[in-house]
């Protein structure tokens, strides 16, 4: 894992929050997780690139239902 990659446990936390509370905006997710906006933006970008998170028409983010990181 490089300095640029998000910790897998952190990805799991983001996905679990989106699965239970989502769809959420960046700001709502940051508040829910007690993270700053930049950290959440990075997590969302990585998870979207991996196909684990999608964006809704109203710019909210949600976890894909069959995401392998959500148990």
C-alpha atoms as a PDB file:
ATOM      1  CA  UNK A   1       0.000   0.000   0.000  1.00  0.00           C
ATOM      2  CA  UNK A   2       1.411   3.393  -0.964  1.00  0.00           C
ATOM      3  CA  UNK A   3       0.945   6.679   0.898  1.00  0.00           C
ATOM      4  CA  UNK A   4      -1.648   7.598  -1.724  1.00  0.00           C
ATOM      5  CA  UNK A   5      -3.866   4.550  -1.131  1.00  0.00           C
ATOM      6  CA  UNK A   6      -6.610   4.508   1.462  1.00  0.00           C
ATOM      7  CA  UNK A   7      -6.397   1.948   4.258  1.00  0.00           C
ATOM      8  CA  UNK A   8      -8.689  -1.043   3.494  1.00  0.00           C
ATOM      9  CA  UNK A   9     -10.316  -0.734   6.930  1.00  0.00           C
ATOM     10  CA  UNK A  10     -11.151   2.877   6.161  1.00  0.00           C
ATOM     11  CA  UNK A  11     -12.686   1.864   2.846  1.00  0.00           C
ATOM     12  CA  UNK A  12     -14.784  -0.683   4.704  1.00  0.00           C
ATOM     13  CA  UNK A  13     -15.971   2.016   7.137  1.00  0.00           C
ATOM     14  CA  UNK A  14     -16.983   4.301   4.271  1.00  0.00           C
ATOM     15  CA  UNK A  15     -18.854   1.488   2.532  1.00  0.00           C
ATOM     16  CA  UNK A  16     -20.584   0.408   5.736  1.00  0.00           C
ATOM     17  CA  UNK A  17     -21.676   3.991   6.407  1.00  0.00           C
ATOM     18  CA  UNK A  18     -23.010   4.387   2.887  1.00  0.00           C
ATOM     19  CA  UNK A  19     -24.781   1.029   3.062  1.00  0.00           C
ATOM     20  CA  UNK A  20     -26.481   1.824   6.365  1.00  0.00           C
ATOM     21  CA  UNK A  21     -27.009   5.600   6.075  1.00  0.00           C
ATOM     22  CA  UNK A  22     -26.765   6.324   2.347  1.00  0.00           C
ATOM     23  CA  UNK A  23     -27.107   7.721  -0.115  1.00  0.00           C
ATOM     24  CA  UNK A  24     -25.102  10.595   1.379  1.00  0.00           C
ATOM     25  CA  UNK A  25     -23.309  13.719   0.186  1.00  0.00           C
ATOM     26  CA  UNK A  26     -19.586  14.185   0.849  1.00  0.00           C
ATOM     27  CA  UNK A  27     -20.444  16.543   3.699  1.00  0.00           C
ATOM     28  CA  UNK A  28     -22.973  14.181   5.286  1.00  0.00           C
ATOM     29  CA  UNK A  29     -20.521  11.293   5.088  1.00  0.00           C
ATOM     30  CA  UNK A  30     -17.713  13.398   6.566  1.00  0.00           C
ATOM     31  CA  UNK A  31     -19.963  14.389   9.478  1.00  0.00           C
ATOM     32  CA  UNK A  32     -21.128  10.800  10.025  1.00  0.00           C
ATOM     33  CA  UNK A  33     -17.552   9.507  10.078  1.00  0.00           C
ATOM     34  CA  UNK A  34     -16.023  12.499  11.891  1.00  0.00           C
ATOM     35  CA  UNK A  35     -13.534  12.999   9.021  1.00  0.00           C
ATOM     36  CA  UNK A  36     -12.587  16.085   7.090  1.00  0.00           C
ATOM     37  CA  UNK A  37     -14.056  16.661   3.651  1.00  0.00           C
ATOM     38  CA  UNK A  38     -10.753  16.002   1.819  1.00  0.00           C
ATOM     39  CA  UNK A  39     -10.350  12.535   3.373  1.00  0.00           C
ATOM     40  CA  UNK A  40     -13.894  11.591   2.413  1.00  0.00           C
ATOM     41  CA  UNK A  41     -13.443  12.915  -1.118  1.00  0.00           C
ATOM     42  CA  UNK A  42     -10.337  10.744  -1.553  1.00  0.00           C
ATOM     43  CA  UNK A  43     -12.162   7.674  -0.228  1.00  0.00           C
ATOM     44  CA  UNK A  44     -15.144   8.255  -2.512  1.00  0.00           C
ATOM     45  CA  UNK A  45     -12.869   8.737  -5.536  1.00  0.00           C
ATOM     46  CA  UNK A  46     -11.020   5.474  -4.868  1.00  0.00           C
ATOM     47  CA  UNK A  47     -14.208   3.525  -4.211  1.00  0.00           C
ATOM     48  CA  UNK A  48     -15.900   4.907  -7.337  1.00  0.00           C
ATOM     49  CA  UNK A  49     -12.840   3.965  -9.424  1.00  0.00           C
ATOM     50  CA  UNK A  50     -13.126   0.428  -8.037  1.00  0.00           C
ATOM     51  CA  UNK A  51     -16.840   0.276  -8.896  1.00  0.00           C
ATOM     52  CA  UNK A  52     -17.882  -0.066  -5.250  1.00  0.00           C
ATOM     53  CA  UNK A  53     -19.684   3.279  -4.931  1.00  0.00           C
ATOM     54  CA  UNK A  54     -21.980   5.076  -7.365  1.00  0.00           C
ATOM     55  CA  UNK A  55     -23.234   8.632  -7.572  1.00  0.00           C
ATOM     56  CA  UNK A  56     -26.933   9.488  -7.763  1.00  0.00           C
ATOM     57  CA  UNK A  57     -28.450  12.215  -9.929  1.00  0.00           C
ATOM     58  CA  UNK A  58     -28.612  14.533  -6.908  1.00  0.00           C
ATOM     59  CA  UNK A  59     -24.837  14.110  -6.262  1.00  0.00           C
ATOM     60  CA  UNK A  60     -25.155  11.698  -3.341  1.00  0.00           C
ATOM     61  CA  UNK A  61     -23.066   8.572  -3.028  1.00  0.00           C
ATOM     62  CA  UNK A  62     -24.206   5.034  -2.315  1.00  0.00           C
ATOM     63  CA  UNK A  63     -22.524   1.661  -1.906  1.00  0.00           C
ATOM     64  CA  UNK A  64     -23.236  -0.987  -4.486  1.00  0.00           C
ATOM     65  CA  UNK A  65     -25.435  -3.682  -2.935  1.00  0.00           C
ATOM     66  CA  UNK A  66     -23.136  -6.572  -3.852  1.00  0.00           C
ATOM     67  CA  UNK A  67     -19.931  -4.906  -2.648  1.00  0.00           C
ATOM     68  CA  UNK A  68     -17.517  -7.587  -1.382  1.00  0.00           C
ATOM     69  CA  UNK A  69     -16.227  -5.426   1.512  1.00  0.00           C
ATOM     70  CA  UNK A  70     -19.656  -5.280   3.169  1.00  0.00           C
ATOM     71  CA  UNK A  71     -20.341  -8.365   5.211  1.00  0.00           C
END
